[in-house]
Amino acid sequence: MQLQSAVADLNLSPSLSGPDPTPAQEDAGIVQVAREITLTSDKITNLLNEVRGGHGRSWPSKLQTVLRTFKTIWNQNVTDELSKEVSSIQQSLHLHAIVSIKAKLDRHAMRLEDAMRALDNRTKELLPSFLANFGELSAKCDSILANQSRSEELATSRHLEVLYTIRASSPQPSIL
C-alpha cells in the first residue's frame, strides 16, 4: 500500500505532462530523467494493479489472493529490475542536478569575474586622475600654508611696528 501511494505521488500533473516547454540547456537532462521517472512509475503502477485484488473472505477471493502472491513471487525479477531502474534514475537525477547547479554557479562566477574585471579597469582609469588631483591639491595646500606663514610674519612685524609707534608717541615722565 505504501509503495502504491509512493507511485501515485510520482504521477505528473497535467500541466507538467503537457507540451514540453523549451528547457535550458543544463535542464534538458533533468527533463529526460523526469520522463524516465514517468515511465518507471507507470510500470510500477501496472505491476501493482496486476498483484492487487479484492479483500473478500470467500474461497475464490482467497484463491485469487494466493494466485496473486505466486504471481508476485514469479515476477520478483521484474520487481528487482524496477528497483534497479529506480535506483539508476535516482543517481541520474542527482548527477543532472549537480551538473545543473555547477553550470549555474559557473555562469554566476563568470559574471562576477567580469564585474570585478570592469571594476579593476575603472579603478586603473581613475587612479592616475586621482593621483594628479592629489598632487595639485597637495601643492595648493603647501601654497596656502606658505601664505599663512607669511601672513603671520607680516602680522607680527606690523604689530611690533604699531607697538613701537605707540611707545614712541607717548609722553615721557619727567624727573623732578
N, C-alpha and C. Protein backbone atom coordinates (compact mmCIF):
# COMPACT_ATOMS: atom_id res chain seq x y z
N MET A 1 0.81 -1.18 0.00
CA MET A 1 0.00 0.00 0.00
C MET A 1 0.87 1.26 0.00
N GLN A 2 1.96 1.23 0.78
CA GLN A 2 2.86 2.38 0.81
C GLN A 2 3.54 2.58 -0.53
N LEU A 3 3.88 1.46 -1.19
CA LEU A 3 4.51 1.55 -2.50
C LEU A 3 3.56 2.16 -3.50
N GLN A 4 2.29 1.80 -3.40
CA GLN A 4 1.30 2.34 -4.33
C GLN A 4 1.14 3.84 -4.12
N SER A 5 1.12 4.31 -2.88
CA SER A 5 0.99 5.75 -2.64
C SER A 5 2.24 6.48 -3.10
N ALA A 6 3.40 5.85 -2.97
CA ALA A 6 4.64 6.48 -3.47
C ALA A 6 4.60 6.60 -4.98
N VAL A 7 4.08 5.55 -5.65
CA VAL A 7 3.99 5.58 -7.11
C VAL A 7 2.97 6.62 -7.54
N ALA A 8 1.87 6.73 -6.80
CA ALA A 8 0.85 7.73 -7.14
C ALA A 8 1.43 9.13 -7.04
N ASP A 9 2.32 9.35 -6.09
CA ASP A 9 2.95 10.67 -5.95
C ASP A 9 3.87 10.98 -7.12
N LEU A 10 4.36 9.95 -7.79
CA LEU A 10 5.27 10.17 -8.92
C LEU A 10 4.54 10.61 -10.18
N ASN A 11 3.21 10.41 -10.23
CA ASN A 11 2.47 10.81 -11.42
C ASN A 11 2.59 12.30 -11.63
N LEU A 12 2.83 12.69 -12.85
CA LEU A 12 2.99 14.11 -13.17
C LEU A 12 1.64 14.78 -13.25
N SER A 13 1.59 16.03 -12.86
CA SER A 13 0.35 16.78 -13.01
C SER A 13 0.12 17.05 -14.49
N PRO A 14 -1.13 17.32 -14.88
CA PRO A 14 -1.42 17.56 -16.30
C PRO A 14 -0.60 18.72 -16.89
N SER A 15 -0.31 19.74 -16.08
CA SER A 15 0.45 20.87 -16.61
C SER A 15 1.89 20.46 -16.92
N LEU A 16 2.43 19.50 -16.17
CA LEU A 16 3.81 19.06 -16.42
C LEU A 16 3.89 18.04 -17.55
N SER A 17 2.82 17.28 -17.76
CA SER A 17 2.88 16.26 -18.80
C SER A 17 2.38 16.79 -20.14
N GLY A 18 2.05 18.07 -20.21
CA GLY A 18 1.59 18.69 -21.44
C GLY A 18 2.74 18.92 -22.39
N PRO A 19 2.54 19.82 -23.36
CA PRO A 19 3.62 20.08 -24.32
C PRO A 19 4.86 20.58 -23.60
N ASP A 20 5.99 20.09 -24.07
CA ASP A 20 7.26 20.43 -23.42
C ASP A 20 7.63 21.88 -23.68
N PRO A 21 7.86 22.64 -22.60
CA PRO A 21 8.45 23.96 -22.81
C PRO A 21 9.92 23.74 -23.17
N THR A 22 10.52 24.71 -23.78
CA THR A 22 11.92 24.57 -24.15
C THR A 22 12.76 24.77 -22.90
N PRO A 23 13.40 23.70 -22.41
CA PRO A 23 14.20 23.83 -21.19
C PRO A 23 15.55 24.46 -21.49
N ALA A 24 16.15 24.99 -20.45
CA ALA A 24 17.51 25.50 -20.59
C ALA A 24 18.41 24.31 -20.88
N GLN A 25 19.56 24.58 -21.47
CA GLN A 25 20.44 23.51 -21.92
C GLN A 25 20.81 22.56 -20.77
N GLU A 26 21.15 23.12 -19.60
CA GLU A 26 21.55 22.25 -18.50
C GLU A 26 20.36 21.54 -17.86
N ASP A 27 19.13 22.01 -18.13
CA ASP A 27 17.94 21.38 -17.58
C ASP A 27 17.39 20.28 -18.48
N ALA A 28 17.90 20.15 -19.69
CA ALA A 28 17.40 19.14 -20.62
C ALA A 28 17.62 17.73 -20.06
N GLY A 29 18.72 17.50 -19.39
CA GLY A 29 18.99 16.20 -18.79
C GLY A 29 17.99 15.88 -17.69
N ILE A 30 17.64 16.89 -16.90
CA ILE A 30 16.66 16.68 -15.84
C ILE A 30 15.29 16.37 -16.43
N VAL A 31 14.95 17.02 -17.54
CA VAL A 31 13.67 16.73 -18.21
C VAL A 31 13.66 15.28 -18.69
N GLN A 32 14.78 14.82 -19.22
CA GLN A 32 14.86 13.43 -19.67
C GLN A 32 14.70 12.46 -18.50
N VAL A 33 15.33 12.78 -17.38
CA VAL A 33 15.19 11.94 -16.19
C VAL A 33 13.74 11.93 -15.71
N ALA A 34 13.06 13.07 -15.81
CA ALA A 34 11.65 13.14 -15.42
C ALA A 34 10.80 12.23 -16.30
N ARG A 35 11.12 12.17 -17.59
CA ARG A 35 10.40 11.25 -18.49
C ARG A 35 10.65 9.79 -18.09
N GLU A 36 11.90 9.48 -17.74
CA GLU A 36 12.21 8.12 -17.30
C GLU A 36 11.46 7.78 -16.01
N ILE A 37 11.36 8.75 -15.12
CA ILE A 37 10.62 8.54 -13.87
C ILE A 37 9.15 8.24 -14.18
N THR A 38 8.58 8.97 -15.14
CA THR A 38 7.18 8.75 -15.51
C THR A 38 6.98 7.34 -16.04
N LEU A 39 7.87 6.89 -16.93
CA LEU A 39 7.75 5.54 -17.49
C LEU A 39 7.89 4.48 -16.40
N THR A 40 8.86 4.66 -15.52
CA THR A 40 9.07 3.69 -14.45
C THR A 40 7.89 3.67 -13.48
N SER A 41 7.35 4.84 -13.16
CA SER A 41 6.19 4.86 -12.26
C SER A 41 4.99 4.19 -12.90
N ASP A 42 4.83 4.31 -14.22
CA ASP A 42 3.75 3.61 -14.92
C ASP A 42 3.95 2.10 -14.83
N LYS A 43 5.20 1.64 -14.99
CA LYS A 43 5.48 0.21 -14.88
C LYS A 43 5.16 -0.30 -13.48
N ILE A 44 5.55 0.46 -12.48
CA ILE A 44 5.29 0.05 -11.09
C ILE A 44 3.79 0.03 -10.82
N THR A 45 3.07 1.02 -11.32
CA THR A 45 1.62 1.06 -11.13
C THR A 45 0.96 -0.14 -11.79
N ASN A 46 1.38 -0.47 -13.01
CA ASN A 46 0.82 -1.63 -13.70
C ASN A 46 1.09 -2.92 -12.93
N LEU A 47 2.32 -3.06 -12.42
CA LEU A 47 2.66 -4.25 -11.65
C LEU A 47 1.81 -4.34 -10.39
N LEU A 48 1.62 -3.22 -9.71
CA LEU A 48 0.79 -3.23 -8.50
C LEU A 48 -0.66 -3.55 -8.83
N ASN A 49 -1.15 -3.04 -9.95
CA ASN A 49 -2.54 -3.33 -10.34
C ASN A 49 -2.72 -4.81 -10.66
N GLU A 50 -1.69 -5.45 -11.22
CA GLU A 50 -1.77 -6.88 -11.50
C GLU A 50 -1.82 -7.69 -10.21
N VAL A 51 -1.06 -7.27 -9.22
CA VAL A 51 -0.96 -8.01 -7.98
C VAL A 51 -2.15 -7.74 -7.06
N ARG A 52 -2.64 -6.52 -7.09
CA ARG A 52 -3.70 -6.12 -6.18
C ARG A 52 -5.01 -6.81 -6.52
N GLY A 53 -5.79 -7.13 -5.53
CA GLY A 53 -7.08 -7.76 -5.77
C GLY A 53 -8.04 -7.46 -4.66
N GLY A 54 -9.16 -8.17 -4.63
CA GLY A 54 -10.17 -7.97 -3.61
C GLY A 54 -9.71 -8.49 -2.26
N HIS A 55 -10.38 -8.07 -1.24
CA HIS A 55 -10.02 -8.47 0.12
C HIS A 55 -11.14 -9.28 0.76
N GLY A 56 -11.92 -9.97 -0.04
CA GLY A 56 -13.05 -10.74 0.49
C GLY A 56 -12.59 -11.98 1.23
N ARG A 57 -13.53 -12.62 1.92
CA ARG A 57 -13.22 -13.81 2.71
C ARG A 57 -13.68 -15.09 1.99
N SER A 58 -14.26 -14.95 0.82
CA SER A 58 -14.77 -16.13 0.12
C SER A 58 -13.61 -16.95 -0.45
N TRP A 59 -13.91 -18.21 -0.73
CA TRP A 59 -12.89 -19.13 -1.25
C TRP A 59 -12.30 -18.64 -2.56
N PRO A 60 -13.10 -18.18 -3.56
CA PRO A 60 -12.49 -17.68 -4.80
C PRO A 60 -11.60 -16.47 -4.53
N SER A 61 -12.00 -15.65 -3.59
CA SER A 61 -11.19 -14.47 -3.26
C SER A 61 -9.86 -14.89 -2.65
N LYS A 62 -9.90 -15.88 -1.78
CA LYS A 62 -8.66 -16.37 -1.17
C LYS A 62 -7.78 -17.04 -2.22
N LEU A 63 -8.40 -17.75 -3.14
CA LEU A 63 -7.65 -18.40 -4.22
C LEU A 63 -6.98 -17.35 -5.11
N GLN A 64 -7.72 -16.28 -5.39
CA GLN A 64 -7.14 -15.19 -6.20
C GLN A 64 -5.97 -14.55 -5.46
N THR A 65 -6.10 -14.40 -4.16
CA THR A 65 -5.01 -13.83 -3.36
C THR A 65 -3.79 -14.73 -3.42
N VAL A 66 -3.99 -16.04 -3.31
CA VAL A 66 -2.87 -16.98 -3.39
C VAL A 66 -2.24 -16.92 -4.77
N LEU A 67 -3.07 -16.87 -5.81
CA LEU A 67 -2.53 -16.78 -7.18
C LEU A 67 -1.74 -15.48 -7.37
N ARG A 68 -2.26 -14.40 -6.85
CA ARG A 68 -1.54 -13.12 -6.97
C ARG A 68 -0.21 -13.18 -6.21
N THR A 69 -0.22 -13.85 -5.07
CA THR A 69 1.02 -13.99 -4.30
C THR A 69 2.05 -14.77 -5.11
N PHE A 70 1.60 -15.88 -5.73
CA PHE A 70 2.52 -16.65 -6.58
C PHE A 70 3.01 -15.79 -7.76
N LYS A 71 2.09 -15.01 -8.31
CA LYS A 71 2.46 -14.15 -9.44
C LYS A 71 3.49 -13.11 -8.99
N THR A 72 3.32 -12.59 -7.78
CA THR A 72 4.27 -11.62 -7.23
C THR A 72 5.64 -12.27 -7.07
N ILE A 73 5.65 -13.46 -6.52
CA ILE A 73 6.92 -14.17 -6.36
C ILE A 73 7.52 -14.47 -7.73
N TRP A 74 6.67 -14.87 -8.65
CA TRP A 74 7.12 -15.18 -10.00
C TRP A 74 7.72 -13.94 -10.67
N ASN A 75 7.10 -12.80 -10.40
CA ASN A 75 7.55 -11.53 -11.01
C ASN A 75 8.61 -10.83 -10.16
N GLN A 76 9.24 -11.55 -9.25
CA GLN A 76 10.25 -10.93 -8.38
C GLN A 76 11.38 -10.32 -9.20
N ASN A 77 11.78 -11.00 -10.27
CA ASN A 77 12.86 -10.44 -11.09
C ASN A 77 12.41 -9.14 -11.76
N VAL A 78 11.13 -9.03 -12.11
CA VAL A 78 10.61 -7.77 -12.67
C VAL A 78 10.67 -6.69 -11.61
N THR A 79 10.28 -7.04 -10.39
CA THR A 79 10.33 -6.08 -9.29
C THR A 79 11.77 -5.66 -9.01
N ASP A 80 12.67 -6.62 -9.01
CA ASP A 80 14.09 -6.29 -8.80
C ASP A 80 14.60 -5.38 -9.90
N GLU A 81 14.21 -5.66 -11.13
CA GLU A 81 14.64 -4.84 -12.26
C GLU A 81 14.10 -3.41 -12.12
N LEU A 82 12.83 -3.31 -11.70
CA LEU A 82 12.26 -1.97 -11.48
C LEU A 82 12.97 -1.25 -10.35
N SER A 83 13.36 -1.97 -9.31
CA SER A 83 14.12 -1.35 -8.21
C SER A 83 15.45 -0.81 -8.71
N LYS A 84 16.12 -1.60 -9.54
CA LYS A 84 17.40 -1.15 -10.11
C LYS A 84 17.18 0.07 -10.99
N GLU A 85 16.10 0.05 -11.75
CA GLU A 85 15.80 1.17 -12.65
C GLU A 85 15.53 2.44 -11.84
N VAL A 86 14.77 2.31 -10.75
CA VAL A 86 14.51 3.46 -9.88
C VAL A 86 15.80 3.98 -9.28
N SER A 87 16.66 3.08 -8.84
CA SER A 87 17.95 3.48 -8.27
C SER A 87 18.81 4.19 -9.31
N SER A 88 18.81 3.66 -10.52
CA SER A 88 19.58 4.28 -11.61
C SER A 88 19.04 5.68 -11.92
N ILE A 89 17.72 5.79 -11.95
CA ILE A 89 17.12 7.10 -12.22
C ILE A 89 17.46 8.09 -11.11
N GLN A 90 17.44 7.61 -9.87
CA GLN A 90 17.79 8.47 -8.74
C GLN A 90 19.22 8.98 -8.87
N GLN A 91 20.15 8.09 -9.20
CA GLN A 91 21.54 8.51 -9.39
C GLN A 91 21.67 9.48 -10.55
N SER A 92 20.95 9.20 -11.62
CA SER A 92 20.98 10.09 -12.78
C SER A 92 20.43 11.46 -12.43
N LEU A 93 19.35 11.47 -11.65
CA LEU A 93 18.76 12.75 -11.23
C LEU A 93 19.75 13.53 -10.37
N HIS A 94 20.42 12.85 -9.45
CA HIS A 94 21.43 13.53 -8.62
C HIS A 94 22.53 14.11 -9.50
N LEU A 95 23.00 13.32 -10.45
CA LEU A 95 24.07 13.78 -11.33
C LEU A 95 23.63 15.00 -12.14
N HIS A 96 22.43 14.93 -12.72
CA HIS A 96 21.94 16.06 -13.51
C HIS A 96 21.73 17.30 -12.64
N ALA A 97 21.25 17.10 -11.42
CA ALA A 97 21.06 18.24 -10.53
C ALA A 97 22.41 18.88 -10.20
N ILE A 98 23.41 18.06 -9.93
CA ILE A 98 24.74 18.59 -9.62
C ILE A 98 25.32 19.32 -10.83
N VAL A 99 25.17 18.73 -12.01
CA VAL A 99 25.68 19.38 -13.23
C VAL A 99 24.97 20.70 -13.46
N SER A 100 23.65 20.72 -13.26
CA SER A 100 22.88 21.94 -13.45
C SER A 100 23.31 23.03 -12.46
N ILE A 101 23.48 22.64 -11.20
CA ILE A 101 23.91 23.61 -10.19
C ILE A 101 25.31 24.12 -10.51
N LYS A 102 26.20 23.24 -10.93
CA LYS A 102 27.57 23.65 -11.27
C LYS A 102 27.56 24.61 -12.45
N ALA A 103 26.73 24.33 -13.46
CA ALA A 103 26.66 25.21 -14.62
C ALA A 103 26.17 26.59 -14.22
N LYS A 104 25.16 26.63 -13.35
CA LYS A 104 24.64 27.93 -12.90
C LYS A 104 25.68 28.66 -12.06
N LEU A 105 26.39 27.94 -11.20
CA LEU A 105 27.44 28.57 -10.40
C LEU A 105 28.57 29.09 -11.30
N ASP A 106 28.91 28.33 -12.33
CA ASP A 106 29.95 28.77 -13.27
C ASP A 106 29.52 30.06 -13.97
N ARG A 107 28.25 30.13 -14.39
CA ARG A 107 27.77 31.35 -15.05
C ARG A 107 27.83 32.54 -14.10
N HIS A 108 27.41 32.33 -12.84
CA HIS A 108 27.46 33.41 -11.87
C HIS A 108 28.90 33.82 -11.58
N ALA A 109 29.79 32.85 -11.51
CA ALA A 109 31.20 33.15 -11.26
C ALA A 109 31.78 33.95 -12.42
N MET A 110 31.39 33.59 -13.64
CA MET A 110 31.90 34.34 -14.80
C MET A 110 31.37 35.77 -14.78
N ARG A 111 30.09 35.94 -14.42
CA ARG A 111 29.53 37.30 -14.33
C ARG A 111 30.25 38.10 -13.26
N LEU A 112 30.50 37.47 -12.12
CA LEU A 112 31.20 38.14 -11.04
C LEU A 112 32.62 38.49 -11.46
N GLU A 113 33.27 37.58 -12.15
CA GLU A 113 34.63 37.84 -12.64
C GLU A 113 34.63 39.01 -13.63
N ASP A 114 33.64 39.05 -14.53
CA ASP A 114 33.53 40.17 -15.47
C ASP A 114 33.30 41.48 -14.73
N ALA A 115 32.45 41.46 -13.71
CA ALA A 115 32.19 42.67 -12.93
C ALA A 115 33.45 43.12 -12.20
N MET A 116 34.19 42.18 -11.64
CA MET A 116 35.43 42.53 -10.93
C MET A 116 36.47 43.07 -11.91
N ARG A 117 36.53 42.48 -13.09
CA ARG A 117 37.47 42.96 -14.11
C ARG A 117 37.11 44.39 -14.53
N ALA A 118 35.81 44.66 -14.72
CA ALA A 118 35.36 46.00 -15.09
C ALA A 118 35.68 46.99 -13.97
N LEU A 119 35.47 46.59 -12.72
CA LEU A 119 35.80 47.45 -11.59
C LEU A 119 37.30 47.72 -11.54
N ASP A 120 38.10 46.71 -11.77
CA ASP A 120 39.55 46.86 -11.77
C ASP A 120 39.99 47.82 -12.88
N ASN A 121 39.42 47.65 -14.07
CA ASN A 121 39.76 48.54 -15.19
C ASN A 121 39.35 49.98 -14.89
N ARG A 122 38.17 50.16 -14.32
CA ARG A 122 37.71 51.51 -13.99
C ARG A 122 38.61 52.14 -12.93
N THR A 123 39.03 51.33 -11.97
CA THR A 123 39.94 51.83 -10.93
C THR A 123 41.28 52.24 -11.55
N LYS A 124 41.77 51.43 -12.48
CA LYS A 124 43.02 51.77 -13.16
C LYS A 124 42.88 53.05 -13.97
N GLU A 125 41.70 53.28 -14.54
CA GLU A 125 41.47 54.52 -15.30
C GLU A 125 41.43 55.73 -14.37
N LEU A 126 40.79 55.59 -13.22
CA LEU A 126 40.60 56.72 -12.32
C LEU A 126 41.82 57.03 -11.46
N LEU A 127 42.65 56.04 -11.20
CA LEU A 127 43.79 56.24 -10.31
C LEU A 127 44.75 57.33 -10.79
N PRO A 128 45.16 57.38 -12.07
CA PRO A 128 46.05 58.47 -12.48
C PRO A 128 45.41 59.85 -12.29
N SER A 129 44.12 59.96 -12.59
CA SER A 129 43.43 61.23 -12.40
C SER A 129 43.39 61.60 -10.92
N PHE A 130 43.12 60.61 -10.09
CA PHE A 130 43.10 60.84 -8.65
C PHE A 130 44.46 61.29 -8.15
N LEU A 131 45.51 60.60 -8.60
CA LEU A 131 46.86 60.96 -8.17
C LEU A 131 47.25 62.35 -8.66
N ALA A 132 46.85 62.70 -9.89
CA ALA A 132 47.13 64.04 -10.41
C ALA A 132 46.40 65.09 -9.59
N ASN A 133 45.13 64.83 -9.30
CA ASN A 133 44.37 65.77 -8.47
C ASN A 133 44.94 65.85 -7.07
N PHE A 134 45.42 64.72 -6.55
CA PHE A 134 46.03 64.72 -5.24
C PHE A 134 47.30 65.57 -5.25
N GLY A 135 48.08 65.46 -6.33
CA GLY A 135 49.30 66.28 -6.45
C GLY A 135 48.96 67.76 -6.49
N GLU A 136 47.94 68.13 -7.26
CA GLU A 136 47.51 69.53 -7.33
C GLU A 136 47.02 70.00 -5.96
N LEU A 137 46.22 69.18 -5.31
CA LEU A 137 45.69 69.53 -4.01
C LEU A 137 46.81 69.69 -2.99
N SER A 138 47.80 68.82 -3.05
CA SER A 138 48.94 68.91 -2.14
C SER A 138 49.72 70.20 -2.38
N ALA A 139 49.93 70.53 -3.66
CA ALA A 139 50.64 71.77 -3.99
C ALA A 139 49.86 72.99 -3.50
N LYS A 140 48.54 72.97 -3.67
CA LYS A 140 47.71 74.10 -3.21
C LYS A 140 47.75 74.20 -1.69
N CYS A 141 47.72 73.07 -1.00
CA CYS A 141 47.81 73.09 0.47
C CYS A 141 49.16 73.66 0.92
N ASP A 142 50.23 73.26 0.24
CA ASP A 142 51.55 73.80 0.57
C ASP A 142 51.58 75.30 0.34
N SER A 143 50.98 75.77 -0.75
CA SER A 143 50.92 77.20 -1.06
C SER A 143 50.12 77.95 0.01
N ILE A 144 49.00 77.37 0.42
CA ILE A 144 48.18 78.00 1.45
C ILE A 144 48.95 78.09 2.76
N LEU A 145 49.65 77.01 3.12
CA LEU A 145 50.45 77.03 4.35
C LEU A 145 51.56 78.08 4.28
N ALA A 146 52.21 78.21 3.13
CA ALA A 146 53.28 79.21 2.97
C ALA A 146 52.69 80.61 3.08
N ASN A 147 51.54 80.84 2.43
CA ASN A 147 50.88 82.16 2.52
C ASN A 147 50.47 82.46 3.95
N GLN A 148 49.97 81.45 4.65
CA GLN A 148 49.57 81.63 6.05
C GLN A 148 50.78 81.99 6.89
N SER A 149 51.89 81.33 6.66
CA SER A 149 53.11 81.61 7.41
C SER A 149 53.59 83.03 7.14
N ARG A 150 53.56 83.45 5.86
CA ARG A 150 53.97 84.82 5.53
C ARG A 150 53.02 85.84 6.15
N SER A 151 51.73 85.52 6.15
CA SER A 151 50.75 86.44 6.76
C SER A 151 51.01 86.59 8.25
N GLU A 152 51.34 85.49 8.92
CA GLU A 152 51.64 85.56 10.35
C GLU A 152 52.90 86.40 10.59
N GLU A 153 53.91 86.23 9.74
CA GLU A 153 55.15 87.00 9.89
C GLU A 153 54.87 88.49 9.68
N LEU A 154 54.08 88.80 8.64
CA LEU A 154 53.74 90.21 8.38
C LEU A 154 52.90 90.79 9.52
N ALA A 155 51.96 89.99 10.04
CA ALA A 155 51.12 90.47 11.14
C ALA A 155 51.97 90.73 12.37
N THR A 156 52.92 89.83 12.65
CA THR A 156 53.80 90.02 13.80
C THR A 156 54.66 91.27 13.61
N SER A 157 55.19 91.45 12.42
CA SER A 157 56.03 92.62 12.13
C SER A 157 55.21 93.90 12.25
N ARG A 158 54.01 93.90 11.70
CA ARG A 158 53.14 95.08 11.76
C ARG A 158 52.76 95.38 13.21
N HIS A 159 52.53 94.34 13.99
CA HIS A 159 52.18 94.51 15.39
C HIS A 159 53.33 95.18 16.15
N LEU A 160 54.54 94.71 15.88
CA LEU A 160 55.70 95.31 16.55
C LEU A 160 55.88 96.77 16.14
N GLU A 161 55.65 97.09 14.87
CA GLU A 161 55.74 98.49 14.41
C GLU A 161 54.72 99.36 15.11
N VAL A 162 53.51 98.86 15.24
CA VAL A 162 52.45 99.63 15.91
C VAL A 162 52.82 99.85 17.37
N LEU A 163 53.30 98.82 18.04
CA LEU A 163 53.71 98.97 19.44
C LEU A 163 54.86 99.99 19.57
N TYR A 164 55.83 99.96 18.68
CA TYR A 164 56.94 100.89 18.71
C TYR A 164 56.44 102.32 18.50
N THR A 165 55.50 102.47 17.56
CA THR A 165 54.96 103.80 17.29
C THR A 165 54.19 104.31 18.49
N ILE A 166 53.43 103.46 19.13
CA ILE A 166 52.64 103.87 20.31
C ILE A 166 53.58 104.26 21.44
N ARG A 167 54.61 103.51 21.66
CA ARG A 167 55.54 103.81 22.74
C ARG A 167 56.32 105.10 22.44
N ALA A 168 56.64 105.29 21.19
CA ALA A 168 57.41 106.48 20.82
C ALA A 168 56.56 107.74 20.94
N SER A 169 55.29 107.64 20.71
CA SER A 169 54.44 108.83 20.75
C SER A 169 53.88 109.11 22.14
N SER A 170 54.05 108.27 23.07
CA SER A 170 53.52 108.53 24.41
C SER A 170 54.50 109.44 25.16
N PRO A 171 53.99 110.37 26.01
CA PRO A 171 54.86 111.30 26.73
C PRO A 171 55.74 110.57 27.77
N GLN A 172 56.94 111.11 27.91
CA GLN A 172 57.90 110.55 28.86
C GLN A 172 57.66 111.19 30.24
N PRO A 173 57.70 110.45 31.27
CA PRO A 173 57.52 111.05 32.60
C PRO A 173 58.76 111.91 32.95
N SER A 174 58.51 113.02 33.55
CA SER A 174 59.63 113.91 33.90
C SER A 174 60.14 113.61 35.31
N ILE A 175 61.41 113.90 35.45
CA ILE A 175 62.04 113.61 36.73
C ILE A 175 62.26 114.97 37.42
N LEU A 176 61.64 115.26 38.37
CA LEU A 176 61.83 116.48 39.13
C LEU A 176 62.03 116.29 40.53
